[in-house]
Amino acid sequence: IAFYYGCDFALYLSFNSVYTSYLMLLSFIGIIFYVLLFAVAGFSGLKDPYNNFLVPSYILFVSIWVTIAYEKWAQREQEISYIWNTLNFKQKLQTLPEYDGIYIIDTVTKGVRLQDPFPTRYRKIITNIPLIVIGLVLIVANFFVFTFINDEIKKKTDYDPEILKSVYEVSAGIANGAVIFIFSVLYNFICIKAVAWENHRYWNTQNNSLVIKTFVFDFTLAYINLFYFAFVDKDFGLMANNFISLMITKNILFNVKTNLVPYLIYLVRKRFMMRKWKENRSLFKKQLLEEEGLTQYAIEESSSNKKEKKKAKKLFESLDPLVQRKLLKMEKRLILHEQIERTMIMSKLPDLRLVWTNYAIQFGYISFFSLVFPLAPLIGCLLNIVDLMFTYFALTDHIQRKICLEQGSIGIWKYNFLLMSIISLFTNLGIIVFADQGFIDLLNKMGVPADWQGDKFVIIYLAIAEHIIFLVKFLLAVTIVDMPRWIREEIVQMENREELDNEVTKRELLQIHNKRKMEKKYEEMKTGVLTHFQG
């Protein structure tokens, strides 16, 4: 895949495989935690199932899982880069073809170069202001509309059954997911136009600018309602229903956009192309056969009648072997032309920036809020497996090959995942400490005095827990080395071989130098002796 579709696309597939495999582990733990949570609450007679000793252990496990998954991917990335020979690869900075500017003489190099009279940094300032305003308008509109809808659901379903209330909340979450997806597509389109106007010289700076703009908007839009439900409304049931319906809806719509729609477009194009190709193929083949003097064979072969086809087959068998070879070569040419035409209508690879954004948002959903709904990792794992199946089917059926580019890492997305892994720690601890009454009940059961249960002490407890978990994460990060041991050993062996080769080369050069020196002295002596005898 790396050498056919490019290293960037192969890195995405490799990340998806590693991430999904570790999601399976978290799914297994989440199922056990979900069952034990309600089992302990049922035996103890607790109204709040989160008011027990299992919650801190699950938070600790999620934090450890996030760290291990991140470090293992960093390790796998090093392995892939070493195998592809892109371990120390640096992208060459080449000016984009669409970069617009005027030609000036460089005062340093005295050469001619392209320079934009209105620099990109000023263009970015101009574009950032309206983009921030548009993003805030979309985020605030989505937040207030769906907050109002959920408030109305609460008022109207106070006397309704719990199942009906859950149906309303899930429906609101599905609608919210659809609106978030539409707003994301709209804002992404606006950002592409704005970044194109910024007139970046290099692809790396252009891509990073677009990633930062779109990811900050998608991050805020995806999580603002859930943070409100967790820390302001403090309704875990409403949050769980909205959270899971939002995650599923967003992933399904993304798969429809990136996988299903291109496939349907390809089928329509293929049907239209094949109809036209059959007509043109029969005319083209008939013309070639008539040029070869096989008019009768052309008439019978182009006919749709079965009897005429049989006659054409018998006539082909009776032809001269040289003519048969010509016809077979002609058939191969026509098959090749058909393959070329089919390649022209194939779909292009999906925009990897959008794919990475989708997985980063899903990673946030699971690492931030899986405490509220522990089965979320299982659902995310199933969604990723379906996405991988669709992707591999598309690669083998209707995806057009692009120019392969070297790439040694996933770039800026690695830092995005690291940032989200840190935010997940504060989110999970904050949900328990500030949003759940069960934490106060737990302090009472532990015999903590009421004077030590104020907001100040709660913040101290949060800081202590956060430092302990950060220490565990740091120890794990140090223990799991990014570069595997076998790669380090091979690099050392290669360096030793290079040193030995250099020493051997130096010895050989010294021997050659000494040999030439001796030959020169011998020639001088020989010349001197001959001169002496001649004298």
Protein backbone atom coordinates (compact mmCIF):
# COMPACT_ATOMS: atom_id res chain seq x y z
CA ILE A 1 0.00 0.00 0.00
CA ALA A 2 2.81 2.42 0.87
CA PHE A 3 4.58 1.93 -2.47
CA TYR A 4 1.34 1.99 -4.50
CA TYR A 5 -0.90 4.57 -2.81
CA GLY A 6 1.75 6.51 -0.88
CA CYS A 7 3.28 6.49 2.59
CA ASP A 8 0.75 8.99 3.97
CA PHE A 9 -2.22 6.74 3.20
CA ALA A 10 -0.39 3.64 4.46
CA LEU A 11 0.39 5.46 7.74
CA TYR A 12 -3.32 6.20 8.18
CA LEU A 13 -4.23 2.53 7.66
CA SER A 14 -1.49 1.41 10.04
CA PHE A 15 -2.66 3.88 12.70
CA ASN A 16 -6.24 2.69 12.27
CA SER A 17 -5.14 -0.91 12.81
CA VAL A 18 -3.09 -0.13 15.93
CA TYR A 19 -5.74 2.17 17.39
CA THR A 20 -8.55 -0.33 16.77
CA SER A 21 -6.55 -3.20 18.29
CA TYR A 22 -6.06 -1.22 21.51
CA LEU A 23 -9.73 -0.18 21.43
CA MET A 24 -10.56 -3.89 21.66
CA LEU A 25 -8.70 -4.03 24.99
CA LEU A 26 -10.52 -0.96 26.33
CA SER A 27 -13.83 -2.40 25.06
CA PHE A 28 -13.27 -5.58 27.07
CA ILE A 29 -12.50 -3.59 30.24
CA GLY A 30 -15.44 -1.25 29.54
CA ILE A 31 -17.89 -4.17 29.32
CA ILE A 32 -16.62 -5.59 32.63
CA PHE A 33 -16.79 -2.14 34.29
CA TYR A 34 -20.31 -1.52 32.95
CA VAL A 35 -21.59 -4.83 34.34
CA LEU A 36 -19.87 -4.46 37.72
CA LEU A 37 -20.98 -0.84 38.05
CA PHE A 38 -24.67 -1.69 38.04
CA ALA A 39 -24.17 -5.00 39.86
CA VAL A 40 -22.49 -3.27 42.81
CA ALA A 41 -25.13 -0.53 42.76
CA GLY A 42 -27.92 -3.13 42.76
CA PHE A 43 -26.50 -5.16 45.66
CA SER A 44 -25.70 -2.05 47.69
CA GLY A 45 -29.01 -0.34 46.98
CA LEU A 46 -27.32 2.80 45.60
CA LYS A 47 -29.32 5.18 43.43
CA ASP A 48 -26.18 6.52 41.77
CA PRO A 49 -24.17 3.64 40.22
CA TYR A 50 -21.06 5.86 39.99
CA ASN A 51 -20.89 6.17 43.78
CA ASN A 52 -18.50 3.26 44.32
CA PHE A 53 -14.81 2.33 44.42
CA LEU A 54 -14.71 1.11 40.77
CA VAL A 55 -14.87 4.62 39.26
CA PRO A 56 -11.35 5.81 40.26
CA SER A 57 -9.85 2.52 39.07
CA TYR A 58 -11.56 2.89 35.68
CA ILE A 59 -10.30 6.48 35.35
CA LEU A 60 -6.79 5.27 36.14
CA PHE A 61 -7.09 2.49 33.57
CA VAL A 62 -8.37 4.86 30.84
CA SER A 63 -5.45 7.24 31.51
CA ILE A 64 -2.98 4.34 31.33
CA TRP A 65 -4.66 3.01 28.18
CA VAL A 66 -4.39 6.41 26.46
CA THR A 67 -0.67 6.60 27.27
CA ILE A 68 0.05 3.02 26.19
CA ALA A 69 -1.91 3.41 22.93
CA TYR A 70 -0.06 6.65 22.12
CA GLU A 71 3.40 5.26 22.96
CA LYS A 72 2.77 2.01 21.09
CA TRP A 73 1.75 3.95 18.01
CA ALA A 74 4.92 6.07 18.30
CA GLN A 75 6.88 2.80 18.45
CA ARG A 76 5.04 1.34 15.47
CA GLU A 77 5.61 4.57 13.53
CA GLN A 78 9.36 4.22 14.07
CA GLU A 79 9.25 0.61 12.85
CA ILE A 80 7.35 1.56 9.70
CA SER A 81 9.66 4.48 8.99
CA TYR A 82 12.71 2.23 9.37
CA ILE A 83 11.25 -0.42 7.04
CA TRP A 84 10.33 2.23 4.45
CA ASN A 85 13.75 3.92 4.83
CA THR A 86 12.09 7.19 5.90
CA LEU A 87 13.33 7.26 9.51
CA ASN A 88 15.21 10.56 9.15
CA PHE A 89 13.15 11.74 6.20
CA LYS A 90 12.59 15.48 5.85
CA GLN A 91 10.14 16.86 3.35
CA LYS A 92 11.81 18.98 0.71
CA LEU A 93 10.45 22.49 0.68
CA GLN A 94 9.26 23.01 -2.86
CA THR A 95 7.28 26.02 -3.98
CA LEU A 96 3.64 25.17 -4.71
CA PRO A 97 2.56 25.59 -8.36
CA GLU A 98 -0.38 27.78 -7.28
CA TYR A 99 1.89 30.16 -5.33
CA ASP A 100 1.33 33.63 -6.75
CA GLY A 101 3.93 36.41 -6.69
CA ILE A 102 6.41 38.48 -8.65
CA TYR A 103 9.98 37.64 -9.65
CA ILE A 104 12.68 39.57 -7.77
CA ILE A 105 16.48 39.37 -7.46
CA ASP A 106 17.58 37.89 -4.13
CA THR A 107 20.11 40.20 -2.46
CA VAL A 108 21.87 37.26 -0.78
CA THR A 109 22.08 34.61 -3.50
CA LYS A 110 21.89 37.11 -6.38
CA GLY A 111 19.42 34.73 -8.05
CA VAL A 112 15.86 35.20 -9.24
CA ARG A 113 13.08 34.01 -6.93
CA LEU A 114 9.32 34.34 -6.61
CA GLN A 115 8.10 36.69 -3.89
CA ASP A 116 4.57 37.67 -2.82
CA PRO A 117 4.40 41.48 -2.35
CA PHE A 118 1.67 40.96 0.28
CA PRO A 119 3.19 38.41 2.73
CA THR A 120 1.31 35.35 3.93
CA ARG A 121 1.49 36.33 7.62
CA TYR A 122 -0.61 39.44 6.93
CA ARG A 123 -3.05 37.43 4.84
CA LYS A 124 -3.44 34.94 7.74
CA ILE A 125 -4.35 37.77 10.12
CA ILE A 126 -6.98 39.02 7.69
CA THR A 127 -8.51 35.55 7.16
CA ASN A 128 -8.40 34.49 10.83
CA ILE A 129 -10.73 37.26 12.02
CA PRO A 130 -13.75 36.38 9.81
CA LEU A 131 -13.09 32.64 10.28
CA ILE A 132 -13.18 33.04 14.07
CA VAL A 133 -16.42 35.03 13.82
CA ILE A 134 -18.07 32.46 11.52
CA GLY A 135 -16.89 29.59 13.72
CA LEU A 136 -18.21 31.22 16.89
CA VAL A 137 -21.58 31.95 15.25
CA LEU A 138 -21.97 28.30 14.17
CA ILE A 139 -20.83 26.92 17.54
CA VAL A 140 -23.03 29.25 19.62
CA ALA A 141 -26.05 28.64 17.37
CA ASN A 142 -25.65 24.87 17.65
CA PHE A 143 -25.11 25.08 21.42
CA PHE A 144 -28.13 27.24 22.24
CA VAL A 145 -30.49 25.45 19.85
CA PHE A 146 -29.78 21.98 21.20
CA THR A 147 -29.59 23.15 24.81
CA PHE A 148 -33.06 24.62 24.35
CA ILE A 149 -34.29 21.38 22.73
CA ASN A 150 -32.98 19.27 25.63
CA ASP A 151 -34.54 21.63 28.18
CA GLU A 152 -37.89 21.28 26.41
CA ILE A 153 -37.50 17.49 26.39
CA LYS A 154 -36.95 17.58 30.16
CA LYS A 155 -40.08 19.67 30.72
CA LYS A 156 -42.33 17.58 28.48
CA THR A 157 -41.10 14.18 29.67
CA ASP A 158 -41.26 14.70 33.44
CA TYR A 159 -44.33 12.47 33.61
CA ASP A 160 -43.48 10.22 30.65
CA PRO A 161 -41.91 6.75 30.95
CA GLU A 162 -38.11 6.57 31.14
CA ILE A 163 -37.91 4.74 27.80
CA LEU A 164 -39.81 7.50 25.99
CA LYS A 165 -37.55 10.10 27.57
CA SER A 166 -34.47 8.19 26.37
CA VAL A 167 -35.92 8.01 22.84
CA TYR A 168 -36.37 11.79 22.79
CA GLU A 169 -32.84 12.36 24.08
CA VAL A 170 -31.30 9.95 21.55
CA SER A 171 -33.29 11.62 18.73
CA ALA A 172 -31.95 15.00 19.84
CA GLY A 173 -28.42 13.57 19.85
CA ILE A 174 -28.84 12.18 16.33
CA ALA A 175 -30.10 15.57 15.10
CA ASN A 176 -27.18 17.26 16.86
CA GLY A 177 -24.71 14.89 15.19
CA ALA A 178 -26.20 15.61 11.76
CA VAL A 179 -26.03 19.38 12.32
CA ILE A 180 -22.45 19.14 13.60
CA PHE A 181 -21.47 17.18 10.49
CA ILE A 182 -23.12 19.74 8.16
CA PHE A 183 -21.52 22.69 9.99
CA SER A 184 -18.15 20.92 9.85
CA VAL A 185 -18.40 20.39 6.06
CA LEU A 186 -19.48 24.02 5.57
CA TYR A 187 -16.69 25.44 7.72
CA ASN A 188 -14.15 23.15 6.06
CA PHE A 189 -15.16 24.49 2.64
CA ILE A 190 -14.78 28.09 3.85
CA CYS A 191 -11.36 27.33 5.39
CA ILE A 192 -10.08 25.75 2.15
CA LYS A 193 -10.96 28.93 0.23
CA ALA A 194 -9.42 31.13 2.93
CA VAL A 195 -6.16 29.15 3.13
CA ALA A 196 -5.90 29.19 -0.67
CA TRP A 197 -6.13 33.00 -0.54
CA GLU A 198 -3.38 33.09 2.12
CA ASN A 199 -1.00 32.10 -0.71
CA HIS A 200 1.37 29.74 1.12
CA ARG A 201 4.67 29.02 -0.55
CA TYR A 202 5.09 25.47 0.79
CA TRP A 203 2.68 22.56 1.19
CA ASN A 204 3.63 21.90 4.84
CA THR A 205 2.72 25.39 6.01
CA GLN A 206 -0.48 25.34 3.96
CA ASN A 207 -1.55 21.98 5.38
CA ASN A 208 -0.71 22.94 8.98
CA SER A 209 -2.66 26.19 8.68
CA LEU A 210 -5.71 24.33 7.35
CA VAL A 211 -5.44 21.60 10.01
CA ILE A 212 -5.27 24.08 12.90
CA LYS A 213 -8.24 26.10 11.66
CA THR A 214 -10.54 23.14 11.00
CA PHE A 215 -9.49 21.02 13.99
CA VAL A 216 -10.02 23.78 16.56
CA PHE A 217 -13.51 24.38 15.17
CA ASP A 218 -14.40 20.66 15.01
CA PHE A 219 -13.02 20.08 18.51
CA THR A 220 -15.08 22.88 20.04
CA LEU A 221 -18.23 22.06 18.08
CA ALA A 222 -18.09 18.34 18.93
CA TYR A 223 -17.55 18.66 22.69
CA ILE A 224 -19.15 21.92 23.86
CA ASN A 225 -22.60 20.40 24.45
CA LEU A 226 -21.15 17.38 26.26
CA PHE A 227 -19.01 19.55 28.54
CA TYR A 228 -22.15 21.57 29.35
CA PHE A 229 -24.12 18.42 30.22
CA ALA A 230 -21.21 17.14 32.37
CA PHE A 231 -20.15 20.22 34.36
CA VAL A 232 -23.17 22.58 34.27
CA ASP A 233 -26.31 20.49 33.82
CA LYS A 234 -24.75 17.49 35.64
CA ASP A 235 -27.19 15.06 34.00
CA PHE A 236 -25.26 11.86 33.25
CA GLY A 237 -28.27 10.10 31.69
CA LEU A 238 -28.90 12.91 29.22
CA MET A 239 -25.17 13.18 28.53
CA ALA A 240 -24.81 9.43 27.88
CA ASN A 241 -27.74 9.35 25.41
CA ASN A 242 -26.51 12.45 23.55
CA PHE A 243 -22.90 11.30 23.62
CA ILE A 244 -23.39 7.86 22.11
CA SER A 245 -25.98 8.94 19.53
CA LEU A 246 -23.76 11.89 18.56
CA MET A 247 -20.66 9.70 18.10
CA ILE A 248 -22.48 7.05 16.06
CA THR A 249 -24.30 9.57 13.85
CA LYS A 250 -21.14 11.54 13.11
CA ASN A 251 -19.16 8.41 12.18
CA ILE A 252 -21.94 7.01 9.99
CA LEU A 253 -22.36 10.29 8.09
CA PHE A 254 -18.59 10.54 7.62
CA ASN A 255 -18.45 6.99 6.19
CA VAL A 256 -21.36 7.76 3.88
CA LYS A 257 -19.55 10.86 2.61
CA THR A 258 -16.09 9.29 2.18
CA ASN A 259 -17.00 5.72 1.16
CA LEU A 260 -20.60 5.26 0.03
CA VAL A 261 -21.10 8.42 -2.06
CA PRO A 262 -17.86 7.97 -4.11
CA TYR A 263 -18.76 4.33 -4.72
CA LEU A 264 -22.25 5.21 -5.99
CA ILE A 265 -20.80 7.92 -8.23
CA TYR A 266 -18.30 5.39 -9.58
CA LEU A 267 -21.09 2.88 -10.36
CA VAL A 268 -23.07 5.53 -12.27
CA ARG A 269 -19.98 6.60 -14.22
CA LYS A 270 -19.03 2.99 -14.90
CA ARG A 271 -22.47 2.14 -16.26
CA PHE A 272 -22.49 5.17 -18.56
CA MET A 273 -18.88 4.54 -19.63
CA MET A 274 -19.41 0.85 -20.38
CA ARG A 275 -22.45 1.61 -22.52
CA LYS A 276 -20.50 4.14 -24.56
CA TRP A 277 -17.42 1.94 -24.63
CA LYS A 278 -19.30 -1.05 -26.09
CA GLU A 279 -20.60 1.10 -28.92
CA ASN A 280 -17.24 2.67 -29.66
CA ARG A 281 -15.43 -0.66 -29.23
CA SER A 282 -17.58 -2.45 -31.81
CA LEU A 283 -17.16 0.42 -34.31
CA PHE A 284 -13.44 0.64 -33.73
CA LYS A 285 -12.96 -3.13 -34.03
CA LYS A 286 -15.07 -3.28 -37.17
CA GLN A 287 -12.99 -0.53 -38.74
CA LEU A 288 -9.73 -2.32 -37.93
CA LEU A 289 -11.01 -5.62 -39.33
CA GLU A 290 -12.16 -3.97 -42.54
CA GLU A 291 -8.69 -2.42 -42.90
CA GLU A 292 -7.23 -5.93 -42.64
CA GLY A 293 -9.61 -7.15 -45.35
CA LEU A 294 -11.78 -9.20 -42.97
CA THR A 295 -15.10 -7.57 -43.78
CA GLN A 296 -17.16 -10.77 -43.45
CA TYR A 297 -15.57 -11.60 -40.10
CA ALA A 298 -16.22 -8.05 -38.89
CA ILE A 299 -19.92 -8.29 -39.79
CA GLU A 300 -20.39 -11.65 -38.10
CA GLU A 301 -18.31 -10.80 -35.00
CA SER A 302 -20.10 -7.49 -34.36
CA SER A 303 -23.51 -9.14 -34.64
CA SER A 304 -25.47 -9.88 -31.45
CA ASN A 305 -26.93 -13.07 -32.97
CA LYS A 306 -25.58 -16.30 -31.45
CA LYS A 307 -25.45 -18.06 -34.83
CA GLU A 308 -23.39 -15.23 -36.33
CA LYS A 309 -21.07 -15.42 -33.31
CA LYS A 310 -20.53 -19.14 -33.91
CA LYS A 311 -19.81 -18.46 -37.58
CA ALA A 312 -17.30 -15.79 -36.57
CA LYS A 313 -15.60 -18.28 -34.22
CA LYS A 314 -15.33 -20.91 -36.97
CA LEU A 315 -14.07 -18.29 -39.41
CA PHE A 316 -11.43 -17.19 -36.88
CA GLU A 317 -10.20 -20.78 -36.56
CA SER A 318 -9.90 -21.09 -40.33
CA LEU A 319 -7.82 -17.93 -40.66
CA ASP A 320 -4.06 -17.83 -41.19
CA PRO A 321 -2.05 -18.00 -37.89
CA LEU A 322 -0.47 -14.61 -38.61
CA VAL A 323 -3.90 -13.04 -39.00
CA GLN A 324 -5.04 -14.74 -35.78
CA ARG A 325 -2.09 -13.18 -33.94
CA LYS A 326 -3.02 -9.76 -35.27
CA LEU A 327 -6.58 -10.21 -34.07
CA LEU A 328 -5.41 -11.33 -30.63
CA LYS A 329 -3.08 -8.31 -30.36
CA MET A 330 -5.99 -6.10 -31.39
CA GLU A 331 -8.13 -7.67 -28.63
CA LYS A 332 -5.40 -7.03 -26.05
CA ARG A 333 -5.18 -3.40 -27.16
CA LEU A 334 -8.91 -2.99 -26.77
CA ILE A 335 -8.80 -4.54 -23.28
CA LEU A 336 -5.99 -2.16 -22.33
CA HIS A 337 -8.00 0.83 -23.61
CA GLU A 338 -10.96 -0.34 -21.55
CA GLN A 339 -8.82 -0.52 -18.40
CA ILE A 340 -7.51 2.99 -19.05
CA GLU A 341 -11.04 4.33 -19.50
CA ARG A 342 -12.14 2.62 -16.29
CA THR A 343 -9.19 4.11 -14.40
CA MET A 344 -10.18 7.58 -15.59
CA ILE A 345 -13.58 7.37 -13.88
CA MET A 346 -12.31 5.91 -10.58
CA SER A 347 -12.72 7.85 -7.35
CA LYS A 348 -9.82 9.68 -5.76
CA LEU A 349 -8.41 8.85 -2.35
CA PRO A 350 -10.27 10.58 0.50
CA ASP A 351 -8.79 13.73 1.98
CA LEU A 352 -6.60 12.40 4.77
CA ARG A 353 -6.97 15.62 6.75
CA LEU A 354 -10.69 14.93 7.13
CA VAL A 355 -10.02 11.28 7.98
CA TRP A 356 -7.52 12.22 10.69
CA THR A 357 -9.95 14.79 12.09
CA ASN A 358 -12.69 12.16 12.31
CA TYR A 359 -10.45 9.73 14.19
CA ALA A 360 -9.12 12.43 16.49
CA ILE A 361 -12.67 13.49 17.42
CA GLN A 362 -13.63 9.85 18.03
CA PHE A 363 -10.52 9.41 20.17
CA GLY A 364 -11.67 12.41 22.21
CA TYR A 365 -15.19 11.05 22.62
CA ILE A 366 -13.84 7.77 24.00
CA SER A 367 -11.03 9.14 26.18
CA PHE A 368 -13.08 12.09 27.54
CA PHE A 369 -16.51 10.60 28.18
CA SER A 370 -16.26 6.79 28.20
CA LEU A 371 -16.72 6.98 31.98
CA VAL A 372 -20.32 8.08 31.39
CA PHE A 373 -20.98 5.27 28.90
CA PRO A 374 -18.33 2.51 29.23
CA LEU A 375 -19.60 0.70 26.12
CA ALA A 376 -18.45 3.60 23.92
CA PRO A 377 -15.06 1.94 23.16
CA LEU A 378 -16.88 -1.16 21.91
CA ILE A 379 -19.06 0.92 19.58
CA GLY A 380 -16.02 2.89 18.39
CA CYS A 381 -14.15 -0.35 17.73
CA LEU A 382 -17.02 -1.73 15.62
CA LEU A 383 -17.27 1.54 13.67
CA ASN A 384 -13.52 1.46 12.95
CA ILE A 385 -13.66 -2.15 11.76
CA VAL A 386 -16.51 -1.27 9.37
CA ASP A 387 -14.52 1.74 8.13
CA LEU A 388 -11.46 -0.45 7.51
CA MET A 389 -13.56 -2.97 5.57
CA PHE A 390 -15.01 -0.22 3.36
CA THR A 391 -11.56 1.29 2.85
CA TYR A 392 -9.93 -1.96 1.77
CA PHE A 393 -12.86 -2.71 -0.54
CA ALA A 394 -12.52 0.73 -2.11
CA LEU A 395 -8.76 0.27 -2.60
CA THR A 396 -9.31 -2.96 -4.52
CA ASP A 397 -12.34 -1.81 -6.51
CA HIS A 398 -12.74 1.87 -7.39
CA ILE A 399 -9.94 4.01 -5.90
CA GLN A 400 -7.62 5.74 -8.34
CA ARG A 401 -3.91 5.59 -7.70
CA LYS A 402 -2.17 8.89 -6.96
CA ILE A 403 1.44 10.01 -7.03
CA CYS A 404 3.28 8.27 -4.17
CA LEU A 405 4.90 10.61 -1.66
CA GLU A 406 7.42 9.78 1.04
CA GLN A 407 6.42 10.51 4.63
CA GLY A 408 8.05 9.41 7.86
CA SER A 409 5.34 10.27 10.40
CA ILE A 410 1.72 11.45 10.76
CA GLY A 411 3.01 14.97 11.37
CA ILE A 412 0.98 17.48 13.36
CA TRP A 413 -1.67 14.86 14.22
CA LYS A 414 0.75 13.15 16.59
CA TYR A 415 0.80 16.28 18.76
CA ASN A 416 -2.99 16.59 18.51
CA PHE A 417 -3.43 13.09 19.94
CA LEU A 418 -0.89 13.83 22.69
CA LEU A 419 -2.76 17.01 23.65
CA MET A 420 -6.08 15.17 23.75
CA SER A 421 -4.61 12.41 25.93
CA ILE A 422 -3.62 15.07 28.48
CA ILE A 423 -7.03 16.79 28.34
CA SER A 424 -8.76 13.44 28.89
CA LEU A 425 -7.15 13.12 32.32
CA PHE A 426 -8.55 16.44 33.54
CA THR A 427 -11.94 15.72 31.96
CA ASN A 428 -12.41 12.35 33.67
CA LEU A 429 -11.23 13.62 37.05
CA GLY A 430 -13.37 16.75 36.70
CA ILE A 431 -16.49 14.73 35.94
CA ILE A 432 -16.07 12.73 39.14
CA VAL A 433 -14.97 15.57 41.42
CA PHE A 434 -17.14 18.48 40.26
CA ALA A 435 -20.07 16.91 38.42
CA ASP A 436 -20.85 13.87 40.57
CA GLN A 437 -22.32 13.94 44.05
CA GLY A 438 -20.97 10.45 44.55
CA PHE A 439 -17.50 11.88 45.22
CA ILE A 440 -18.78 13.71 48.32
CA ASP A 441 -20.58 10.55 49.45
CA LEU A 442 -17.35 8.62 48.98
CA LEU A 443 -15.49 11.14 51.17
CA ASN A 444 -18.18 10.74 53.85
CA LYS A 445 -17.79 6.94 53.77
CA MET A 446 -14.04 7.30 54.12
CA GLY A 447 -14.58 9.35 57.30
CA VAL A 448 -13.28 12.64 55.91
CA PRO A 449 -14.53 15.52 58.12
CA ALA A 450 -17.08 17.95 56.66
CA ASP A 451 -14.58 20.81 57.04
CA TRP A 452 -12.30 18.99 54.57
CA GLN A 453 -14.98 18.65 51.92
CA GLY A 454 -15.14 22.25 50.68
CA ASP A 455 -14.29 23.47 47.20
CA LYS A 456 -10.70 24.25 48.19
CA PHE A 457 -10.09 20.75 49.51
CA VAL A 458 -11.81 19.22 46.47
CA ILE A 459 -9.36 21.07 44.24
CA ILE A 460 -6.48 19.77 46.39
CA TYR A 461 -7.78 16.21 46.05
CA LEU A 462 -8.06 16.72 42.30
CA ALA A 463 -4.47 18.03 42.13
CA ILE A 464 -3.17 15.06 44.12
CA ALA A 465 -4.99 12.54 41.90
CA GLU A 466 -3.86 14.36 38.78
CA HIS A 467 -0.19 14.33 39.93
CA ILE A 468 -0.34 10.62 40.76
CA ILE A 469 -1.80 9.73 37.35
CA PHE A 470 0.66 12.03 35.59
CA LEU A 471 3.49 10.24 37.40
CA VAL A 472 2.15 6.89 36.18
CA LYS A 473 1.83 8.24 32.62
CA PHE A 474 5.38 9.61 32.76
CA LEU A 475 6.78 6.27 33.97
CA LEU A 476 4.95 4.47 31.17
CA ALA A 477 6.20 6.96 28.58
CA VAL A 478 9.78 6.47 29.79
CA THR A 479 9.44 2.68 29.94
CA ILE A 480 7.97 2.30 26.45
CA VAL A 481 10.79 3.58 24.23
CA ASP A 482 9.73 5.08 20.90
CA MET A 483 12.43 3.31 18.94
CA PRO A 484 12.26 -0.50 19.35
CA ARG A 485 15.30 -2.39 20.50
CA TRP A 486 15.80 -4.35 17.27
CA ILE A 487 15.94 -1.11 15.26
CA ARG A 488 18.52 0.38 17.62
CA GLU A 489 20.63 -2.79 17.34
CA GLU A 490 20.45 -2.76 13.54
CA ILE A 491 21.38 0.92 13.42
CA VAL A 492 24.42 0.22 15.66
CA GLN A 493 25.40 -2.70 13.42
CA MET A 494 25.09 -0.51 10.32
CA GLU A 495 27.23 2.19 11.93
CA ASN A 496 29.85 -0.41 12.87
CA ARG A 497 29.82 -1.75 9.31
CA GLU A 498 30.29 1.77 7.97
CA GLU A 499 33.22 2.33 10.31
CA LEU A 500 34.79 -0.97 9.24
CA ASP A 501 34.20 -0.14 5.58
CA ASN A 502 35.81 3.27 6.11
CA GLU A 503 38.82 1.67 7.80
CA VAL A 504 39.14 -0.89 4.99
CA THR A 505 38.83 1.88 2.43
CA LYS A 506 41.53 3.90 4.21
CA ARG A 507 43.87 0.88 4.28
CA GLU A 508 43.27 0.14 0.62
CA LEU A 509 43.88 3.78 -0.29
CA LEU A 510 47.08 3.79 1.78
CA GLN A 511 48.28 0.60 0.09
CA ILE A 512 47.53 2.04 -3.35
CA HIS A 513 49.35 5.25 -2.39
CA ASN A 514 52.42 3.35 -1.15
CA LYS A 515 52.42 1.14 -4.24
CA ARG A 516 52.32 4.16 -6.53
CA LYS A 517 55.07 5.77 -4.47
CA MET A 518 57.26 2.68 -4.81
CA GLU A 519 56.55 2.48 -8.54
CA LYS A 520 57.54 6.12 -8.90
CA LYS A 521 60.81 5.55 -7.02
CA TYR A 522 61.52 2.47 -9.12
CA GLU A 523 60.99 4.46 -12.31
CA GLU A 524 63.30 7.19 -11.02
CA MET A 525 65.99 4.64 -10.17
CA LYS A 526 65.58 2.92 -13.52
CA THR A 527 65.86 6.23 -15.33
CA GLY A 528 68.99 7.13 -13.33
CA VAL A 529 70.69 3.82 -14.08
CA LEU A 530 69.96 4.07 -17.80
CA THR A 531 71.28 7.61 -17.89
CA HIS A 532 74.46 6.49 -16.12
CA PHE A 533 75.15 3.68 -18.57
CA GLN A 534 74.38 5.87 -21.56
CA GLY A 535 76.85 8.42 -20.22
